[in-house]
């Protein structure tokens, strides 16, 4: 598998999981002081943009870190042989 495909897969998976996690934390915070039942919501406007930006940045960082660790391990494996 090419490096670009791996980066795309890792970034996409990180984006999906990260966005789900961010929405969960957003809703937990939003519902923390209410006596009513839990209500799910999605942030609007600039807040949604900031959330997506942070999740995208961390997903890309995860993909780059994973790629770097894999390259380092492959180099070390070649030196051992």
Protein backbone atom coordinates (compact mmCIF):
# COMPACT_ATOMS: atom_id res chain seq x y z
CA UNK A 1 0.00 0.00 0.00
CA UNK A 2 1.38 3.41 -0.89
CA UNK A 3 2.21 6.01 1.73
CA UNK A 4 -0.44 8.38 0.37
CA UNK A 5 -3.18 5.75 0.75
CA UNK A 6 -2.07 4.97 4.30
CA UNK A 7 -2.04 8.67 5.19
CA UNK A 8 -5.51 9.10 3.70
CA UNK A 9 -6.89 6.08 5.56
CA UNK A 10 -5.38 7.09 8.89
CA UNK A 11 -6.46 10.71 8.50
CA UNK A 12 -9.99 9.70 7.48
CA UNK A 13 -10.36 7.28 10.35
CA UNK A 14 -8.93 9.83 12.78
CA UNK A 15 -11.29 12.47 11.45
CA UNK A 16 -14.36 10.24 11.85
CA UNK A 17 -13.43 9.07 15.34
CA UNK A 18 -12.19 12.49 16.43
CA UNK A 19 -15.36 14.23 15.27
CA UNK A 20 -17.53 11.68 17.09
CA UNK A 21 -15.45 12.18 20.24
CA UNK A 22 -15.58 15.98 19.94
CA UNK A 23 -19.36 15.92 19.53
CA UNK A 24 -19.69 13.66 22.56
CA UNK A 25 -17.61 16.02 24.72
CA UNK A 26 -19.48 19.03 23.35
CA UNK A 27 -22.80 17.49 24.34
CA UNK A 28 -21.59 16.31 27.73
CA UNK A 29 -20.47 19.86 28.51
CA UNK A 30 -23.63 21.40 27.12
CA UNK A 31 -25.85 19.09 29.20
CA UNK A 32 -23.77 19.09 32.38
CA UNK A 33 -25.83 21.60 34.35
CA UNK A 34 -29.30 20.89 33.02
CA UNK A 35 -31.88 19.03 35.03
CA UNK A 36 -33.70 18.00 31.87
CA UNK A 37 -32.91 14.91 29.84
CA UNK A 38 -29.85 14.68 27.64
CA UNK A 39 -30.30 16.53 24.36
CA UNK A 40 -27.89 15.94 21.49
CA UNK A 41 -26.84 18.95 19.44
CA UNK A 42 -24.21 19.98 16.92
CA UNK A 43 -22.30 23.24 17.30
CA UNK A 44 -23.14 25.90 14.75
CA UNK A 45 -21.14 28.41 12.75
CA UNK A 46 -17.65 29.34 13.92
CA UNK A 47 -17.72 26.85 16.79
CA UNK A 48 -18.31 23.97 14.37
CA UNK A 49 -15.53 25.27 12.11
CA UNK A 50 -13.08 25.45 15.02
CA UNK A 51 -14.02 21.95 16.12
CA UNK A 52 -13.53 20.53 12.62
CA UNK A 53 -10.22 22.37 12.27
CA UNK A 54 -8.85 20.96 15.51
CA UNK A 55 -10.02 17.44 14.68
CA UNK A 56 -8.51 17.66 11.18
CA UNK A 57 -5.20 18.95 12.55
CA UNK A 58 -4.94 16.17 15.12
CA UNK A 59 -5.92 13.56 12.52
CA UNK A 60 -3.18 14.76 10.18
CA UNK A 61 -0.69 14.79 13.06
CA UNK A 62 -1.65 11.20 13.90
CA UNK A 63 -1.16 10.13 10.29
CA UNK A 64 2.24 11.84 10.07
CA UNK A 65 3.37 10.37 13.37
CA UNK A 66 2.20 6.88 12.35
CA UNK A 67 4.03 7.17 9.04
CA UNK A 68 7.20 8.34 10.78
CA UNK A 69 7.14 5.53 13.34
CA UNK A 70 6.53 2.96 10.61
CA UNK A 71 9.46 4.30 8.56
CA UNK A 72 11.73 4.25 11.60
CA UNK A 73 10.75 0.68 12.44
CA UNK A 74 11.30 -0.43 8.85
CA UNK A 75 14.78 1.14 8.83
CA UNK A 76 15.68 -0.52 12.13
CA UNK A 77 14.43 -3.88 10.83
CA UNK A 78 16.65 -3.55 7.75
CA UNK A 79 19.70 -2.80 9.92
CA UNK A 80 19.10 -5.87 12.12
CA UNK A 81 19.05 -8.26 9.19
